[in-house]
Amino acid sequence: MTAGSDIERRAIEPAAFSASSGGRRLEGYAARFGVVAAIGSFVERIGPGAFSTSLSGDVLALMDHDPGKVLGRTRSKTLQLEVDNMGLRFDLTLPDTQAGRDVAALAERGDLGGMSFGFRVKPGGESWEGNTRTLTSIELLEISVVSSWPAYPDTSVALRSMQAHSDAMRRFRALRLAEASQWA
């Protein structure tokens, strides 16, 4: 991912967060359909079907969009993605690397800002109504765990333990991405 490319990134804050001690899996939603986000001078939402042709390629899971901090990928089956009626759901097995341990520790403490995704709009993959952009067909390149300021509300991130997850705690966040216009 080179600077100046046509890759767009959108971050999503968790609507609900829960963590269990000893967890090595992170799961939740990287994107939710129909949720509106203010992106600079326009608002944006993701339409159902926007990811329908994106899940067959190799999608990466990163920390803060940093390609040097790979947390998983679909090719190795350490990242699983599926689309349901709510949005783009993910299940990520965290690696035993510094980045993986950092994500697990931040998740357990409730310090993660949310989820994000990097994409390219496919030809004809967007529609505009006034200053509202609806994404209808995108090429998904990566999802990212973000440690701060997501743009989209209403995703969930949960750190899962192979043990009981009855200890899970729920948190709500209300953050907005201060510099969303730089990603547009």
N, C-alpha and C. Protein backbone atom coordinates (compact mmCIF):
# COMPACT_ATOMS: atom_id res chain seq x y z
N MET A 1 0.84 -1.16 0.00
CA MET A 1 0.00 0.00 0.00
C MET A 1 0.89 1.23 0.00
N THR A 2 0.97 1.85 -1.11
CA THR A 2 1.85 2.99 -1.24
C THR A 2 1.10 4.29 -1.02
N ALA A 3 1.84 5.29 -0.58
CA ALA A 3 1.23 6.60 -0.37
C ALA A 3 0.74 7.14 -1.70
N GLY A 4 -0.38 7.84 -1.68
CA GLY A 4 -0.92 8.43 -2.88
C GLY A 4 -1.74 7.48 -3.72
N SER A 5 -1.90 6.25 -3.28
CA SER A 5 -2.71 5.31 -4.05
C SER A 5 -4.18 5.61 -3.83
N ASP A 6 -5.03 4.88 -4.51
CA ASP A 6 -6.47 5.12 -4.40
C ASP A 6 -7.12 4.31 -3.28
N ILE A 7 -6.33 3.83 -2.34
CA ILE A 7 -6.85 3.06 -1.21
C ILE A 7 -7.52 4.01 -0.23
N GLU A 8 -8.74 3.67 0.17
CA GLU A 8 -9.44 4.44 1.19
C GLU A 8 -9.49 3.60 2.45
N ARG A 9 -9.51 4.28 3.58
CA ARG A 9 -9.59 3.59 4.87
C ARG A 9 -10.71 4.18 5.69
N ARG A 10 -11.46 3.33 6.35
CA ARG A 10 -12.53 3.77 7.22
C ARG A 10 -12.42 3.03 8.53
N ALA A 11 -12.55 3.73 9.62
CA ALA A 11 -12.47 3.14 10.95
C ALA A 11 -13.84 3.14 11.59
N ILE A 12 -14.06 2.16 12.42
CA ILE A 12 -15.35 1.93 13.05
C ILE A 12 -15.13 1.69 14.52
N GLU A 13 -15.85 2.40 15.34
CA GLU A 13 -15.69 2.20 16.78
C GLU A 13 -16.58 1.07 17.25
N PRO A 14 -16.19 0.41 18.31
CA PRO A 14 -17.02 -0.68 18.80
C PRO A 14 -18.26 -0.16 19.50
N ALA A 15 -19.43 -0.70 19.15
CA ALA A 15 -20.65 -0.37 19.87
C ALA A 15 -20.68 -1.18 21.15
N ALA A 16 -20.14 -2.34 21.10
CA ALA A 16 -20.08 -3.18 22.30
C ALA A 16 -18.72 -3.85 22.31
N PHE A 17 -18.13 -3.92 23.48
CA PHE A 17 -16.82 -4.54 23.61
C PHE A 17 -16.84 -5.47 24.80
N SER A 18 -16.33 -6.63 24.62
CA SER A 18 -16.18 -7.52 25.76
C SER A 18 -14.85 -8.24 25.64
N ALA A 19 -14.29 -8.56 26.77
CA ALA A 19 -12.98 -9.23 26.79
C ALA A 19 -12.98 -10.29 27.87
N SER A 20 -12.28 -11.36 27.60
CA SER A 20 -12.07 -12.42 28.58
C SER A 20 -10.59 -12.61 28.76
N SER A 21 -10.16 -12.82 29.98
CA SER A 21 -8.73 -12.99 30.21
C SER A 21 -8.22 -14.24 29.52
N GLY A 22 -7.02 -14.17 29.04
CA GLY A 22 -6.41 -15.32 28.38
C GLY A 22 -6.86 -15.50 26.93
N GLY A 23 -7.60 -14.55 26.37
CA GLY A 23 -8.12 -14.70 25.02
C GLY A 23 -7.06 -14.58 23.95
N ARG A 24 -7.19 -15.33 22.89
CA ARG A 24 -6.27 -15.25 21.75
C ARG A 24 -7.04 -15.02 20.46
N ARG A 25 -8.35 -14.81 20.57
CA ARG A 25 -9.17 -14.55 19.38
C ARG A 25 -9.88 -13.22 19.55
N LEU A 26 -9.93 -12.49 18.46
CA LEU A 26 -10.65 -11.24 18.41
C LEU A 26 -11.75 -11.43 17.39
N GLU A 27 -12.96 -11.03 17.74
CA GLU A 27 -14.06 -11.18 16.78
C GLU A 27 -15.02 -10.02 16.92
N GLY A 28 -15.79 -9.83 15.88
CA GLY A 28 -16.77 -8.76 15.87
C GLY A 28 -17.09 -8.33 14.45
N TYR A 29 -17.35 -7.05 14.27
CA TYR A 29 -17.70 -6.50 12.96
C TYR A 29 -16.67 -5.45 12.55
N ALA A 30 -16.14 -5.59 11.35
CA ALA A 30 -15.22 -4.61 10.79
C ALA A 30 -16.00 -3.52 10.07
N ALA A 31 -17.23 -3.78 9.70
CA ALA A 31 -18.09 -2.81 9.03
C ALA A 31 -19.55 -3.20 9.27
N ARG A 32 -20.39 -2.20 9.40
CA ARG A 32 -21.84 -2.43 9.56
C ARG A 32 -22.59 -1.71 8.45
N PHE A 33 -23.58 -2.39 7.91
CA PHE A 33 -24.38 -1.81 6.83
C PHE A 33 -25.30 -0.71 7.34
N GLY A 34 -25.46 0.33 6.51
CA GLY A 34 -26.43 1.38 6.79
C GLY A 34 -26.03 2.40 7.83
N VAL A 35 -24.90 2.22 8.51
CA VAL A 35 -24.46 3.16 9.53
C VAL A 35 -23.82 4.35 8.83
N VAL A 36 -24.19 5.55 9.23
CA VAL A 36 -23.69 6.76 8.59
C VAL A 36 -22.47 7.29 9.36
N ALA A 37 -21.45 7.69 8.59
CA ALA A 37 -20.24 8.27 9.19
C ALA A 37 -19.94 9.59 8.48
N ALA A 38 -19.55 10.58 9.26
CA ALA A 38 -19.12 11.86 8.70
C ALA A 38 -17.67 11.74 8.27
N ILE A 39 -17.41 11.91 6.97
CA ILE A 39 -16.07 11.79 6.41
C ILE A 39 -15.73 13.13 5.77
N GLY A 40 -15.16 14.03 6.54
CA GLY A 40 -14.84 15.35 5.99
C GLY A 40 -16.09 16.10 5.60
N SER A 41 -16.19 16.47 4.32
CA SER A 41 -17.31 17.28 3.84
C SER A 41 -18.51 16.46 3.37
N PHE A 42 -18.46 15.14 3.54
CA PHE A 42 -19.59 14.30 3.13
C PHE A 42 -19.87 13.24 4.17
N VAL A 43 -20.99 12.58 4.02
CA VAL A 43 -21.30 11.44 4.88
C VAL A 43 -21.32 10.19 4.02
N GLU A 44 -21.08 9.07 4.67
CA GLU A 44 -20.93 7.83 3.93
C GLU A 44 -21.60 6.70 4.68
N ARG A 45 -22.12 5.75 3.91
CA ARG A 45 -22.66 4.52 4.49
C ARG A 45 -22.29 3.36 3.59
N ILE A 46 -22.33 2.17 4.15
CA ILE A 46 -22.00 0.95 3.42
C ILE A 46 -23.30 0.24 3.11
N GLY A 47 -23.53 -0.03 1.85
CA GLY A 47 -24.74 -0.73 1.44
C GLY A 47 -24.57 -2.23 1.54
N PRO A 48 -25.67 -2.95 1.80
CA PRO A 48 -25.61 -4.41 1.78
C PRO A 48 -25.10 -4.87 0.41
N GLY A 49 -24.24 -5.84 0.39
CA GLY A 49 -23.68 -6.33 -0.86
C GLY A 49 -22.37 -5.68 -1.25
N ALA A 50 -21.93 -4.65 -0.52
CA ALA A 50 -20.70 -3.95 -0.87
C ALA A 50 -19.49 -4.88 -0.84
N PHE A 51 -19.52 -5.88 0.02
CA PHE A 51 -18.38 -6.79 0.16
C PHE A 51 -18.58 -8.12 -0.58
N SER A 52 -19.67 -8.26 -1.30
CA SER A 52 -20.03 -9.58 -1.84
C SER A 52 -18.99 -10.18 -2.77
N THR A 53 -18.22 -9.38 -3.47
CA THR A 53 -17.20 -9.93 -4.37
C THR A 53 -15.79 -9.78 -3.81
N SER A 54 -15.66 -9.38 -2.55
CA SER A 54 -14.35 -9.09 -1.97
C SER A 54 -13.76 -10.21 -1.13
N LEU A 55 -14.52 -11.19 -0.79
CA LEU A 55 -14.06 -12.15 0.21
C LEU A 55 -13.29 -13.33 -0.37
N SER A 56 -13.16 -13.40 -1.68
CA SER A 56 -12.46 -14.54 -2.28
C SER A 56 -10.95 -14.34 -2.34
N GLY A 57 -10.46 -13.11 -2.24
CA GLY A 57 -9.03 -12.84 -2.31
C GLY A 57 -8.38 -12.98 -0.94
N ASP A 58 -7.10 -12.66 -0.89
CA ASP A 58 -6.35 -12.70 0.36
C ASP A 58 -6.47 -11.36 1.06
N VAL A 59 -7.22 -11.32 2.14
CA VAL A 59 -7.44 -10.10 2.92
C VAL A 59 -6.58 -10.19 4.18
N LEU A 60 -5.89 -9.11 4.51
CA LEU A 60 -5.03 -9.06 5.68
C LEU A 60 -5.76 -8.48 6.89
N ALA A 61 -5.32 -8.86 8.07
CA ALA A 61 -5.72 -8.21 9.31
C ALA A 61 -4.46 -7.52 9.84
N LEU A 62 -4.54 -6.21 10.07
CA LEU A 62 -3.40 -5.40 10.48
C LEU A 62 -3.69 -4.67 11.78
N MET A 63 -2.66 -4.14 12.37
CA MET A 63 -2.79 -3.24 13.51
C MET A 63 -2.59 -1.83 12.97
N ASP A 64 -3.59 -0.97 13.13
CA ASP A 64 -3.53 0.44 12.71
C ASP A 64 -3.10 0.62 11.25
N HIS A 65 -3.56 -0.23 10.36
CA HIS A 65 -3.26 -0.15 8.92
C HIS A 65 -1.77 -0.28 8.61
N ASP A 66 -1.00 -0.81 9.54
CA ASP A 66 0.45 -0.92 9.36
C ASP A 66 0.79 -2.28 8.76
N PRO A 67 1.25 -2.33 7.49
CA PRO A 67 1.58 -3.61 6.87
C PRO A 67 2.74 -4.33 7.54
N GLY A 68 3.45 -3.65 8.43
CA GLY A 68 4.51 -4.29 9.21
C GLY A 68 3.98 -4.99 10.46
N LYS A 69 2.68 -4.86 10.72
CA LYS A 69 2.07 -5.48 11.89
C LYS A 69 0.91 -6.36 11.46
N VAL A 70 1.24 -7.44 10.77
CA VAL A 70 0.23 -8.38 10.29
C VAL A 70 -0.25 -9.23 11.46
N LEU A 71 -1.56 -9.26 11.66
CA LEU A 71 -2.18 -10.06 12.72
C LEU A 71 -2.78 -11.36 12.19
N GLY A 72 -3.03 -11.41 10.90
CA GLY A 72 -3.61 -12.61 10.30
C GLY A 72 -3.97 -12.34 8.86
N ARG A 73 -4.44 -13.38 8.18
CA ARG A 73 -4.87 -13.23 6.79
C ARG A 73 -5.78 -14.38 6.42
N THR A 74 -6.61 -14.12 5.43
CA THR A 74 -7.57 -15.15 5.02
C THR A 74 -6.87 -16.33 4.37
N ARG A 75 -5.78 -16.08 3.65
CA ARG A 75 -5.07 -17.17 2.97
C ARG A 75 -4.61 -18.24 3.94
N SER A 76 -4.15 -17.83 5.12
CA SER A 76 -3.67 -18.81 6.11
C SER A 76 -4.78 -19.27 7.06
N LYS A 77 -5.98 -18.74 6.85
CA LYS A 77 -7.15 -19.08 7.66
C LYS A 77 -7.02 -18.62 9.12
N THR A 78 -6.11 -17.67 9.39
CA THR A 78 -6.04 -17.06 10.71
C THR A 78 -7.02 -15.89 10.82
N LEU A 79 -7.56 -15.48 9.68
CA LEU A 79 -8.62 -14.48 9.60
C LEU A 79 -9.77 -15.08 8.81
N GLN A 80 -10.94 -15.06 9.40
CA GLN A 80 -12.13 -15.52 8.70
C GLN A 80 -13.09 -14.36 8.60
N LEU A 81 -13.64 -14.18 7.41
CA LEU A 81 -14.58 -13.10 7.14
C LEU A 81 -15.88 -13.68 6.61
N GLU A 82 -16.99 -13.07 7.01
CA GLU A 82 -18.27 -13.44 6.43
C GLU A 82 -19.18 -12.24 6.46
N VAL A 83 -20.07 -12.19 5.51
CA VAL A 83 -21.07 -11.13 5.45
C VAL A 83 -22.38 -11.70 5.95
N ASP A 84 -23.01 -10.98 6.89
CA ASP A 84 -24.35 -11.36 7.33
C ASP A 84 -25.27 -10.15 7.17
N ASN A 85 -26.45 -10.20 7.72
CA ASN A 85 -27.39 -9.10 7.51
C ASN A 85 -26.98 -7.81 8.24
N MET A 86 -26.03 -7.88 9.15
CA MET A 86 -25.58 -6.69 9.88
C MET A 86 -24.35 -6.04 9.26
N GLY A 87 -23.49 -6.83 8.63
CA GLY A 87 -22.28 -6.26 8.05
C GLY A 87 -21.20 -7.29 7.81
N LEU A 88 -19.96 -6.83 7.87
CA LEU A 88 -18.79 -7.67 7.64
C LEU A 88 -18.27 -8.17 8.98
N ARG A 89 -18.47 -9.44 9.23
CA ARG A 89 -18.08 -10.07 10.49
C ARG A 89 -16.70 -10.70 10.32
N PHE A 90 -15.89 -10.61 11.38
CA PHE A 90 -14.56 -11.21 11.33
C PHE A 90 -14.31 -12.06 12.57
N ASP A 91 -13.41 -13.02 12.43
CA ASP A 91 -12.91 -13.85 13.52
C ASP A 91 -11.42 -13.98 13.28
N LEU A 92 -10.61 -13.45 14.20
CA LEU A 92 -9.17 -13.36 14.02
C LEU A 92 -8.47 -14.10 15.15
N THR A 93 -7.63 -15.07 14.80
CA THR A 93 -6.77 -15.73 15.77
C THR A 93 -5.50 -14.90 15.88
N LEU A 94 -5.27 -14.34 17.06
CA LEU A 94 -4.12 -13.45 17.25
C LEU A 94 -2.82 -14.24 17.30
N PRO A 95 -1.77 -13.71 16.66
CA PRO A 95 -0.48 -14.40 16.68
C PRO A 95 0.27 -14.15 17.98
N ASP A 96 1.23 -15.02 18.27
CA ASP A 96 2.10 -14.82 19.43
C ASP A 96 3.28 -13.97 18.99
N THR A 97 2.98 -12.74 18.59
CA THR A 97 3.98 -11.75 18.21
C THR A 97 3.77 -10.54 19.12
N GLN A 98 4.68 -9.59 19.04
CA GLN A 98 4.50 -8.40 19.87
C GLN A 98 3.19 -7.68 19.54
N ALA A 99 2.90 -7.54 18.24
CA ALA A 99 1.65 -6.88 17.84
C ALA A 99 0.43 -7.65 18.34
N GLY A 100 0.46 -8.97 18.22
CA GLY A 100 -0.65 -9.81 18.70
C GLY A 100 -0.84 -9.69 20.20
N ARG A 101 0.25 -9.72 20.94
CA ARG A 101 0.16 -9.58 22.40
C ARG A 101 -0.33 -8.19 22.78
N ASP A 102 0.13 -7.16 22.05
CA ASP A 102 -0.33 -5.79 22.32
C ASP A 102 -1.83 -5.67 22.11
N VAL A 103 -2.33 -6.21 21.00
CA VAL A 103 -3.76 -6.15 20.72
C VAL A 103 -4.55 -6.87 21.81
N ALA A 104 -4.09 -8.05 22.21
CA ALA A 104 -4.78 -8.80 23.27
C ALA A 104 -4.81 -8.01 24.57
N ALA A 105 -3.67 -7.39 24.93
CA ALA A 105 -3.61 -6.62 26.17
C ALA A 105 -4.53 -5.40 26.11
N LEU A 106 -4.53 -4.69 24.99
CA LEU A 106 -5.40 -3.52 24.84
C LEU A 106 -6.87 -3.93 24.86
N ALA A 107 -7.18 -5.05 24.24
CA ALA A 107 -8.57 -5.54 24.23
C ALA A 107 -9.03 -5.90 25.63
N GLU A 108 -8.19 -6.58 26.38
CA GLU A 108 -8.55 -6.96 27.75
C GLU A 108 -8.82 -5.75 28.62
N ARG A 109 -8.08 -4.67 28.41
CA ARG A 109 -8.23 -3.45 29.21
C ARG A 109 -9.37 -2.56 28.71
N GLY A 110 -9.89 -2.85 27.52
CA GLY A 110 -10.93 -2.00 26.95
C GLY A 110 -10.39 -0.75 26.29
N ASP A 111 -9.13 -0.79 25.86
CA ASP A 111 -8.48 0.40 25.31
C ASP A 111 -8.50 0.49 23.78
N LEU A 112 -9.06 -0.47 23.09
CA LEU A 112 -9.09 -0.40 21.63
C LEU A 112 -10.10 0.64 21.17
N GLY A 113 -9.75 1.35 20.11
CA GLY A 113 -10.65 2.36 19.56
C GLY A 113 -11.72 1.76 18.68
N GLY A 114 -11.45 0.64 18.02
CA GLY A 114 -12.44 0.02 17.15
C GLY A 114 -11.80 -0.75 16.02
N MET A 115 -12.55 -0.88 14.95
CA MET A 115 -12.10 -1.60 13.77
C MET A 115 -12.10 -0.65 12.58
N SER A 116 -11.36 -1.03 11.56
CA SER A 116 -11.23 -0.23 10.36
C SER A 116 -11.07 -1.17 9.17
N PHE A 117 -11.19 -0.62 7.98
CA PHE A 117 -10.95 -1.43 6.79
C PHE A 117 -10.38 -0.56 5.70
N GLY A 118 -9.51 -1.16 4.89
CA GLY A 118 -8.92 -0.48 3.74
C GLY A 118 -9.51 -1.07 2.48
N PHE A 119 -9.84 -0.21 1.51
CA PHE A 119 -10.56 -0.68 0.33
C PHE A 119 -10.32 0.22 -0.86
N ARG A 120 -10.70 -0.27 -2.02
CA ARG A 120 -10.80 0.50 -3.25
C ARG A 120 -12.23 0.38 -3.74
N VAL A 121 -12.76 1.47 -4.23
CA VAL A 121 -14.11 1.44 -4.80
C VAL A 121 -14.01 0.87 -6.21
N LYS A 122 -14.82 -0.14 -6.49
CA LYS A 122 -14.84 -0.72 -7.83
C LYS A 122 -15.58 0.22 -8.77
N PRO A 123 -15.30 0.14 -10.07
CA PRO A 123 -16.02 0.99 -11.02
C PRO A 123 -17.53 0.83 -10.85
N GLY A 124 -18.22 1.94 -10.69
CA GLY A 124 -19.67 1.91 -10.48
C GLY A 124 -20.06 1.46 -9.08
N GLY A 125 -19.11 1.38 -8.17
CA GLY A 125 -19.36 0.84 -6.83
C GLY A 125 -19.76 1.85 -5.78
N GLU A 126 -20.20 3.02 -6.22
CA GLU A 126 -20.68 4.02 -5.27
C GLU A 126 -21.83 4.79 -5.90
N SER A 127 -22.69 5.30 -5.03
CA SER A 127 -23.75 6.18 -5.50
C SER A 127 -23.80 7.39 -4.58
N TRP A 128 -24.24 8.49 -5.14
CA TRP A 128 -24.30 9.75 -4.39
C TRP A 128 -25.73 10.29 -4.41
N GLU A 129 -26.15 10.78 -3.27
CA GLU A 129 -27.40 11.51 -3.15
C GLU A 129 -27.09 12.74 -2.31
N GLY A 130 -26.95 13.89 -2.97
CA GLY A 130 -26.49 15.09 -2.28
C GLY A 130 -25.07 14.88 -1.81
N ASN A 131 -24.83 15.07 -0.51
CA ASN A 131 -23.48 14.85 0.02
C ASN A 131 -23.35 13.50 0.73
N THR A 132 -24.27 12.57 0.41
CA THR A 132 -24.21 11.23 1.01
C THR A 132 -23.71 10.21 -0.03
N ARG A 133 -22.66 9.55 0.31
CA ARG A 133 -22.06 8.52 -0.53
C ARG A 133 -22.44 7.16 0.03
N THR A 134 -22.94 6.28 -0.83
CA THR A 134 -23.22 4.91 -0.43
C THR A 134 -22.28 3.99 -1.20
N LEU A 135 -21.51 3.20 -0.46
CA LEU A 135 -20.61 2.23 -1.08
C LEU A 135 -21.41 0.99 -1.41
N THR A 136 -21.39 0.57 -2.68
CA THR A 136 -22.17 -0.59 -3.11
C THR A 136 -21.32 -1.75 -3.60
N SER A 137 -20.07 -1.47 -3.99
CA SER A 137 -19.18 -2.54 -4.44
C SER A 137 -17.74 -2.08 -4.24
N ILE A 138 -17.03 -2.76 -3.33
CA ILE A 138 -15.66 -2.38 -3.04
C ILE A 138 -14.74 -3.59 -3.09
N GLU A 139 -13.46 -3.32 -3.26
CA GLU A 139 -12.43 -4.34 -3.17
C GLU A 139 -11.82 -4.22 -1.78
N LEU A 140 -12.08 -5.19 -0.93
CA LEU A 140 -11.57 -5.18 0.44
C LEU A 140 -10.11 -5.64 0.42
N LEU A 141 -9.21 -4.82 0.97
CA LEU A 141 -7.79 -5.16 1.00
C LEU A 141 -7.35 -5.61 2.38
N GLU A 142 -7.88 -4.95 3.42
CA GLU A 142 -7.48 -5.28 4.78
C GLU A 142 -8.51 -4.79 5.77
N ILE A 143 -8.50 -5.44 6.91
CA ILE A 143 -9.20 -4.92 8.07
C ILE A 143 -8.13 -4.60 9.10
N SER A 144 -8.39 -3.63 9.95
CA SER A 144 -7.40 -3.25 10.96
C SER A 144 -8.04 -3.08 12.32
N VAL A 145 -7.30 -3.49 13.32
CA VAL A 145 -7.64 -3.15 14.69
C VAL A 145 -7.05 -1.75 14.88
N VAL A 146 -7.87 -0.80 15.31
CA VAL A 146 -7.36 0.56 15.50
C VAL A 146 -7.33 0.89 16.99
N SER A 147 -6.26 1.56 17.36
CA SER A 147 -6.12 1.88 18.77
C SER A 147 -6.73 3.24 19.11
N SER A 148 -7.19 3.98 18.10
CA SER A 148 -7.80 5.29 18.38
C SER A 148 -8.74 5.71 17.26
N TRP A 149 -9.60 6.65 17.53
CA TRP A 149 -10.45 7.45 16.66
C TRP A 149 -11.03 6.82 15.40
N PRO A 150 -11.97 5.97 15.51
CA PRO A 150 -12.65 5.44 14.32
C PRO A 150 -13.68 6.41 13.77
N ALA A 151 -14.06 6.22 12.50
CA ALA A 151 -15.02 7.11 11.85
C ALA A 151 -16.45 6.58 11.93
N TYR A 152 -16.62 5.30 11.73
CA TYR A 152 -17.95 4.70 11.74
C TYR A 152 -18.33 4.23 13.14
N PRO A 153 -19.55 4.49 13.56
CA PRO A 153 -20.02 3.93 14.83
C PRO A 153 -20.56 2.51 14.63
N ASP A 154 -20.84 1.84 15.70
CA ASP A 154 -21.63 0.62 15.68
C ASP A 154 -20.97 -0.66 15.20
N THR A 155 -19.74 -0.91 15.55
CA THR A 155 -19.20 -2.25 15.33
C THR A 155 -18.87 -2.84 16.68
N SER A 156 -18.66 -4.12 16.68
CA SER A 156 -18.31 -4.77 17.94
C SER A 156 -16.97 -5.46 17.80
N VAL A 157 -16.23 -5.45 18.88
CA VAL A 157 -14.95 -6.12 18.95
C VAL A 157 -14.96 -6.89 20.26
N ALA A 158 -14.65 -8.16 20.21
CA ALA A 158 -14.62 -8.96 21.44
C ALA A 158 -13.40 -9.84 21.43
N LEU A 159 -12.69 -9.84 22.53
CA LEU A 159 -11.56 -10.74 22.71
C LEU A 159 -12.11 -12.00 23.34
N ARG A 160 -11.89 -13.14 22.70
CA ARG A 160 -12.48 -14.38 23.14
C ARG A 160 -11.42 -15.31 23.69
N SER A 161 -11.75 -15.97 24.75
CA SER A 161 -10.90 -16.99 25.32
C SER A 161 -11.47 -18.34 24.91
N MET A 162 -10.64 -19.33 24.84
CA MET A 162 -11.14 -20.67 24.59
C MET A 162 -11.90 -21.17 25.82
N GLN A 163 -11.65 -20.53 26.96
CA GLN A 163 -12.37 -20.86 28.19
C GLN A 163 -13.70 -20.13 28.16
N ALA A 164 -14.38 -20.16 29.24
CA ALA A 164 -15.69 -19.52 29.32
C ALA A 164 -15.59 -18.03 29.05
N HIS A 165 -16.55 -17.50 28.33
CA HIS A 165 -16.57 -16.08 28.09
C HIS A 165 -17.67 -15.40 28.90
N SER A 166 -18.05 -16.05 30.02
CA SER A 166 -19.07 -15.46 30.87
C SER A 166 -18.55 -14.26 31.63
N ASP A 167 -17.22 -14.07 31.68
CA ASP A 167 -16.63 -12.92 32.35
C ASP A 167 -16.66 -11.67 31.48
N ALA A 168 -17.17 -11.81 30.26
CA ALA A 168 -17.06 -10.71 29.29
C ALA A 168 -17.71 -9.43 29.81
N MET A 169 -17.02 -8.34 29.58
CA MET A 169 -17.58 -7.04 29.97
C MET A 169 -17.96 -6.27 28.71
N ARG A 170 -19.01 -5.46 28.80
CA ARG A 170 -19.50 -4.70 27.65
C ARG A 170 -19.20 -3.22 27.86
N ARG A 171 -18.76 -2.62 26.83
CA ARG A 171 -18.48 -1.19 26.89
C ARG A 171 -19.02 -0.50 25.65
N PHE A 172 -19.39 0.71 25.80
CA PHE A 172 -19.83 1.52 24.67
C PHE A 172 -18.88 2.69 24.49
N ARG A 173 -18.60 3.02 23.26
CA ARG A 173 -17.71 4.14 22.96
C ARG A 173 -18.42 5.13 22.05
N ALA A 174 -18.07 6.37 22.17
CA ALA A 174 -18.63 7.42 21.30
C ALA A 174 -17.50 8.30 20.79
N LEU A 175 -16.67 7.74 19.91
CA LEU A 175 -15.53 8.48 19.37
C LEU A 175 -15.77 8.81 17.90
N ARG A 176 -15.24 9.85 17.41
CA ARG A 176 -15.27 10.19 16.00
C ARG A 176 -13.84 10.39 15.50
N LEU A 177 -13.61 10.06 14.30
CA LEU A 177 -12.28 10.24 13.73
C LEU A 177 -12.04 11.71 13.41
N ALA A 178 -11.09 12.32 14.11
CA ALA A 178 -10.82 13.75 13.96
C ALA A 178 -10.22 14.06 12.60
N GLU A 179 -9.46 13.15 12.06
CA GLU A 179 -8.79 13.42 10.79
C GLU A 179 -9.31 12.53 9.67
N ALA A 180 -10.60 12.27 9.65
CA ALA A 180 -11.18 11.39 8.63
C ALA A 180 -10.97 11.95 7.22
N SER A 181 -10.91 13.23 7.10
CA SER A 181 -10.75 13.82 5.77
C SER A 181 -9.43 13.43 5.12
N GLN A 182 -8.41 13.11 5.90
CA GLN A 182 -7.13 12.71 5.30
C GLN A 182 -7.24 11.32 4.68
N TRP A 183 -8.21 10.52 5.09
CA TRP A 183 -8.38 9.18 4.53
C TRP A 183 -9.30 9.18 3.33
N ALA A 184 -10.03 10.23 3.14
CA ALA A 184 -10.99 10.29 2.03
C ALA A 184 -10.29 10.57 0.73
